[in-house]
Protein backbone atom coordinates (compact mmCIF):
# COMPACT_ATOMS: atom_id res chain seq x y z
CA MET A 1 -55.47 -41.41 8.05
CA ILE A 2 -56.29 -37.96 6.76
CA LYS A 3 -56.46 -36.60 10.14
CA MET A 4 -52.82 -37.78 10.94
CA VAL A 5 -51.46 -36.44 7.62
CA LEU A 6 -53.07 -32.97 8.35
CA LYS A 7 -51.35 -33.00 11.62
CA LEU A 8 -48.12 -33.92 10.34
CA LEU A 9 -48.10 -31.36 7.21
CA PRO A 10 -46.68 -28.36 9.13
CA ILE A 11 -43.98 -30.45 10.39
CA LEU A 12 -43.14 -32.02 7.00
CA CYS A 13 -43.26 -28.47 5.47
CA LEU A 14 -40.90 -27.12 8.02
CA VAL A 15 -38.50 -30.13 7.49
CA CYS A 16 -38.63 -29.62 3.67
CA LEU A 17 -37.85 -25.74 3.94
CA THR A 18 -35.02 -26.23 6.42
CA GLY A 19 -33.47 -28.90 4.18
CA CYS A 20 -33.73 -26.57 0.93
CA ALA A 21 -32.27 -23.75 2.76
CA SER A 22 -29.33 -25.76 3.97
CA VAL A 23 -28.06 -26.66 0.31
CA GLN A 24 -28.50 -23.10 -1.13
CA PRO A 25 -25.14 -22.02 -2.76
CA GLY A 26 -23.62 -19.11 -0.77
CA ASP A 27 -25.67 -19.85 2.44
CA PRO A 28 -23.06 -19.13 5.36
CA SER A 29 -24.55 -22.09 7.35
CA GLY A 30 -24.57 -24.44 4.36
CA PRO A 31 -22.00 -27.08 3.37
CA ARG A 32 -19.07 -25.81 1.16
CA GLU A 33 -19.81 -27.89 -1.83
CA GLY A 34 -21.83 -27.53 -5.03
CA VAL A 35 -21.62 -24.53 -7.10
CA LEU A 36 -19.31 -21.27 -6.30
CA ARG A 37 -21.15 -18.36 -7.61
CA ILE A 38 -18.57 -15.78 -8.67
CA GLY A 39 -19.71 -12.22 -9.26
CA ILE A 40 -18.00 -10.43 -12.13
CA THR A 41 -18.24 -7.38 -14.36
CA PRO A 42 -16.44 -8.62 -17.47
CA ASP A 43 -15.53 -5.36 -19.11
CA TYR A 44 -11.99 -4.95 -17.41
CA PRO A 45 -9.33 -6.61 -19.54
CA PRO A 46 -7.07 -8.03 -18.62
CA MET A 47 -8.52 -8.55 -15.21
CA ILE A 48 -11.93 -9.91 -16.41
CA PHE A 49 -13.46 -9.98 -19.79
CA LYS A 50 -15.25 -11.91 -22.43
CA THR A 51 -14.24 -13.25 -25.75
CA GLY A 52 -17.35 -14.54 -27.26
CA GLU A 53 -19.05 -16.54 -24.57
CA ALA A 54 -15.77 -17.42 -22.87
CA VAL A 55 -14.81 -15.61 -19.61
CA LYS A 56 -11.00 -14.78 -19.57
CA GLY A 57 -8.43 -12.95 -17.57
CA VAL A 58 -6.75 -12.76 -14.22
CA GLU A 59 -9.79 -13.17 -12.13
CA ALA A 60 -11.18 -16.03 -14.50
CA ASP A 61 -8.03 -18.08 -13.83
CA PHE A 62 -8.16 -17.34 -10.19
CA GLY A 63 -11.86 -18.12 -10.04
CA ASN A 64 -11.56 -21.49 -11.74
CA LEU A 65 -8.62 -22.45 -9.49
CA LEU A 66 -10.52 -21.02 -6.19
CA ALA A 67 -13.43 -23.36 -7.14
CA LYS A 68 -11.12 -26.30 -7.81
CA GLU A 69 -9.55 -25.84 -4.12
CA LEU A 70 -13.03 -25.61 -2.59
CA LYS A 71 -14.19 -28.81 -4.54
CA ARG A 72 -16.90 -26.69 -6.12
CA MET A 73 -18.07 -25.96 -9.65
CA PRO A 74 -17.31 -22.30 -10.72
CA GLN A 75 -20.28 -20.36 -12.12
CA PHE A 76 -19.48 -16.81 -13.36
CA VAL A 77 -22.45 -14.42 -12.67
CA GLU A 78 -22.35 -11.49 -14.91
CA LEU A 79 -23.61 -8.10 -13.15
CA PRO A 80 -23.18 -4.36 -13.61
CA TRP A 81 -20.52 -3.00 -11.56
CA ASP A 82 -22.78 -1.10 -9.16
CA GLN A 83 -24.90 -4.36 -8.48
CA LEU A 84 -22.01 -6.56 -7.36
CA ILE A 85 -21.88 -5.59 -3.66
CA PRO A 86 -25.73 -5.55 -3.34
CA ALA A 87 -25.98 -8.96 -5.09
CA LEU A 88 -23.33 -10.32 -2.57
CA ILE A 89 -25.27 -8.81 0.46
CA GLU A 90 -28.49 -10.19 -0.77
CA GLY A 91 -26.91 -13.83 -1.07
CA LYS A 92 -27.34 -13.98 -4.96
CA ILE A 93 -23.33 -14.59 -5.33
CA ASP A 94 -20.87 -16.15 -3.03
CA ILE A 95 -17.86 -14.06 -3.82
CA ILE A 96 -16.73 -10.93 -6.03
CA MET A 97 -13.85 -11.47 -8.18
CA SER A 98 -13.91 -8.54 -10.59
CA GLY A 99 -10.53 -6.62 -10.08
CA MET A 100 -12.12 -4.80 -7.05
CA SER A 101 -10.02 -2.28 -5.11
CA ILE A 102 -10.18 -2.89 -1.26
CA THR A 103 -11.41 0.54 0.27
CA ASP A 104 -12.55 1.56 3.69
CA ALA A 105 -15.90 2.36 2.22
CA ARG A 106 -16.49 -1.05 0.67
CA LYS A 107 -15.38 -2.69 3.82
CA VAL A 108 -18.31 -1.14 5.78
CA ARG A 109 -20.51 -3.46 3.56
CA VAL A 110 -18.45 -6.62 2.83
CA ASP A 111 -15.51 -8.67 4.10
CA PHE A 112 -12.31 -8.66 1.85
CA ALA A 113 -9.94 -11.61 1.74
CA GLU A 114 -6.15 -10.77 2.01
CA PRO A 115 -5.16 -8.75 -1.27
CA TYR A 116 -3.78 -10.73 -4.04
CA MET A 117 -2.36 -7.85 -5.98
CA LYS A 118 -1.04 -4.36 -5.42
CA SER A 119 -1.99 -1.84 -8.13
CA GLY A 120 -2.44 1.71 -8.68
CA LEU A 121 -4.10 4.49 -10.66
CA MET A 122 -2.30 5.45 -14.04
CA THR A 123 -2.76 7.92 -16.64
CA LEU A 124 -3.37 7.29 -20.65
CA MET A 125 -2.99 9.85 -23.13
CA ARG A 126 -2.38 10.36 -26.87
CA GLY A 127 1.32 9.79 -27.97
CA GLU A 128 1.62 13.24 -29.38
CA ASP A 129 1.06 14.69 -26.01
CA VAL A 130 3.73 12.94 -23.98
CA PRO A 131 6.18 15.76 -24.03
CA LYS A 132 3.52 18.08 -22.28
CA TYR A 133 3.49 15.95 -19.26
CA PRO A 134 6.91 15.27 -17.73
CA THR A 135 5.59 14.69 -14.13
CA LEU A 136 2.58 13.61 -12.15
CA GLN A 137 2.35 17.24 -10.87
CA SER A 138 2.23 18.52 -14.57
CA LEU A 139 -0.69 16.13 -15.30
CA LYS A 140 -2.61 17.20 -12.22
CA GLU A 141 -2.37 20.82 -12.89
CA SER A 142 -3.20 20.63 -16.63
CA PHE A 143 -6.39 22.49 -17.99
CA THR A 144 -7.59 19.21 -19.81
CA THR A 145 -10.69 17.27 -20.08
CA VAL A 146 -10.13 14.01 -18.16
CA GLY A 147 -11.89 10.69 -18.61
CA VAL A 148 -12.72 8.35 -15.70
CA VAL A 149 -14.89 5.35 -15.15
CA ARG A 150 -18.02 6.07 -13.34
CA GLY A 151 -18.10 4.68 -9.77
CA THR A 152 -14.51 3.77 -9.43
CA THR A 153 -11.61 4.88 -7.21
CA GLY A 154 -10.17 6.55 -10.34
CA GLU A 155 -13.17 8.80 -10.61
CA ASP A 156 -13.19 9.59 -6.91
CA PHE A 157 -9.38 10.37 -7.26
CA VAL A 158 -9.55 12.79 -10.32
CA ARG A 159 -12.47 14.73 -8.71
CA LYS A 160 -10.52 15.31 -5.70
CA ASN A 161 -7.13 16.02 -7.15
CA PHE A 162 -7.69 17.57 -10.64
CA MET A 163 -8.73 20.78 -9.68
CA GLN A 164 -7.75 22.62 -12.78
CA ALA A 165 -9.48 20.12 -15.06
CA GLN A 166 -11.85 21.86 -17.48
CA GLN A 167 -14.22 18.96 -17.57
CA ILE A 168 -14.23 15.36 -15.93
CA ILE A 169 -16.27 12.87 -18.24
CA ALA A 170 -17.42 9.69 -16.67
CA LEU A 171 -17.39 6.75 -18.93
CA THR A 172 -19.13 3.44 -18.49
CA ARG A 173 -16.10 1.17 -18.73
CA ALA A 174 -12.42 1.49 -19.45
CA ASN A 175 -12.42 0.08 -22.97
CA ASP A 176 -14.64 3.26 -24.14
CA ALA A 177 -11.51 5.45 -23.25
CA ALA A 178 -9.62 4.79 -26.52
CA TYR A 179 -11.90 6.37 -28.89
CA PRO A 180 -12.62 9.65 -27.17
CA LEU A 181 -8.85 9.92 -26.49
CA LYS A 182 -7.87 9.56 -30.23
CA ASN A 183 -10.70 11.96 -31.34
CA GLN A 184 -9.67 14.68 -28.64
CA ARG A 185 -13.10 14.31 -26.87
CA ILE A 186 -10.97 13.85 -23.66
CA ASP A 187 -7.23 14.44 -23.14
CA LEU A 188 -6.25 12.18 -20.37
CA PHE A 189 -7.78 9.00 -18.98
CA VAL A 190 -7.22 7.90 -15.23
CA HIS A 191 -7.88 4.40 -14.30
CA ASP A 192 -6.15 1.22 -12.92
CA GLY A 193 -2.82 0.38 -14.10
CA PRO A 194 -3.74 -3.00 -15.55
CA SER A 195 -6.44 -1.45 -17.62
CA ILE A 196 -4.01 1.29 -18.94
CA ALA A 197 -1.50 -1.33 -19.84
CA TRP A 198 -4.13 -3.17 -22.02
CA LEU A 199 -5.18 -0.07 -23.85
CA VAL A 200 -1.81 0.90 -24.68
CA SER A 201 -1.13 -2.67 -26.09
CA GLU A 202 -4.32 -2.33 -28.20
CA ASN A 203 -3.48 1.01 -29.48
CA GLU A 204 0.34 1.42 -29.53
CA ALA A 205 0.37 3.64 -32.51
CA ASP A 206 -1.77 6.23 -30.87
CA LEU A 207 -1.78 5.88 -27.17
CA LYS A 208 0.79 5.88 -24.49
CA GLY A 209 0.89 5.43 -20.76
CA PHE A 210 2.29 7.56 -17.93
CA TRP A 211 3.71 4.60 -15.96
CA GLU A 212 4.29 6.39 -12.46
CA PRO A 213 1.27 5.50 -10.40
CA TRP A 214 -0.84 8.04 -8.62
CA ASN A 215 -1.24 5.78 -5.57
CA GLU A 216 -1.08 2.24 -4.39
CA GLU A 217 -4.21 0.25 -4.29
CA PHE A 218 -4.74 -3.44 -3.04
CA LEU A 219 -6.96 -5.66 -4.93
CA GLY A 220 -9.04 -8.28 -3.23
CA TRP A 221 -11.94 -10.66 -3.19
CA ALA A 222 -15.05 -9.86 -1.39
CA VAL A 223 -17.22 -12.07 0.59
CA ASN A 224 -20.52 -11.56 2.58
CA ARG A 225 -19.79 -10.31 6.06
CA GLY A 226 -21.66 -13.32 7.61
CA ASP A 227 -19.51 -15.83 5.66
CA LYS A 228 -16.67 -16.21 7.92
CA GLU A 229 -15.97 -20.05 6.80
CA LEU A 230 -15.71 -18.97 3.08
CA LEU A 231 -13.32 -15.92 4.12
CA VAL A 232 -11.03 -18.24 6.13
CA THR A 233 -10.69 -20.69 3.48
CA VAL A 234 -10.04 -18.20 0.76
CA ASN A 235 -7.42 -16.67 2.85
CA SER A 236 -5.71 -19.95 3.53
CA VAL A 237 -5.72 -20.74 -0.32
CA ILE A 238 -4.20 -17.17 -1.14
CA ARG A 239 -1.53 -17.83 1.29
CA LYS A 240 -0.57 -21.11 -0.31
CA TRP A 241 -0.62 -19.82 -3.89
CA LYS A 242 1.68 -16.90 -2.80
CA GLN A 243 4.22 -19.48 -1.32
CA ASP A 244 4.04 -21.69 -4.21
CA GLY A 245 4.21 -19.12 -6.99
CA THR A 246 0.55 -19.67 -8.33
CA THR A 247 -0.21 -15.91 -7.74
CA LYS A 248 2.89 -14.64 -9.61
CA GLU A 249 2.59 -17.17 -12.40
CA ILE A 250 -1.14 -15.97 -13.20
CA LEU A 251 -0.34 -12.09 -12.85
CA THR A 252 2.77 -12.10 -14.85
CA ARG A 253 1.04 -14.30 -17.59
CA TRP A 254 -1.63 -11.50 -17.96
CA LEU A 255 0.34 -8.47 -16.89
CA PRO A 256 3.97 -9.12 -18.00
CA TYR A 257 5.05 -5.55 -17.44
CA LEU A 258 4.46 -6.09 -13.80
CA LYS A 259 7.21 -8.61 -13.57
CA GLU A 260 9.64 -5.95 -12.46
CA SER A 261 7.31 -3.39 -11.14
CA ARG A 262 6.83 -2.42 -7.37
CA LEU A 263 3.13 -2.96 -7.80
CA LEU A 264 3.43 -6.72 -7.83
CA LEU A 265 2.95 -8.29 -4.39
CA ARG A 266 5.96 -10.23 -3.25
């Protein structure tokens, strides 16, 4: 009997390992059920942020709805921004839903679903300085100290285009921009439009936005390049939401200024 068990042990181990691997969330070969692990960096209101322990914002609403569509439980996995894509590639999360811009550089490493929103880089400044900057060109040619968020498309844009800037200061997150602006440590802050609008709403007495965008960027959700099944399913859900008005409802709930903006996807 003992000899028979010893002979079967390698086979039993193989069956166990194969079974365990097939039910791991995020495994491209596994069933689409269980938990949807959503990678987020919750420091980007109104797109994704936390109030106490509650995750809120545009992406939180979309994430909860997407998990429901997939018949899975949403699990928001908090990670630093620069660890989101590595975590996706390593299979630690299933999807990134964190206000991420779709770029060619990122598409080398991950697949993006169809964009759900059109955004753009905008500029934040002190209210008293508004008369100094009548045009985008006047902003770009100003001899100022410009704030950006480290590792974002905003930082890349400013470093390539603000050639006259006295200094470029990289911040950890967008919410860190209000204090140095008010205290004249920086003169301008360039970041995504939704974030600029949020900062203005929180600091209306002191800060103003320049609402003409520098560019157009498309926001989308990233999945592992090997997870074609999830990509196809997510694209199908996005198309449905655009047709039935779900996408517009969520975006205008959190970003009412976009209602009449050309940045809202039609």
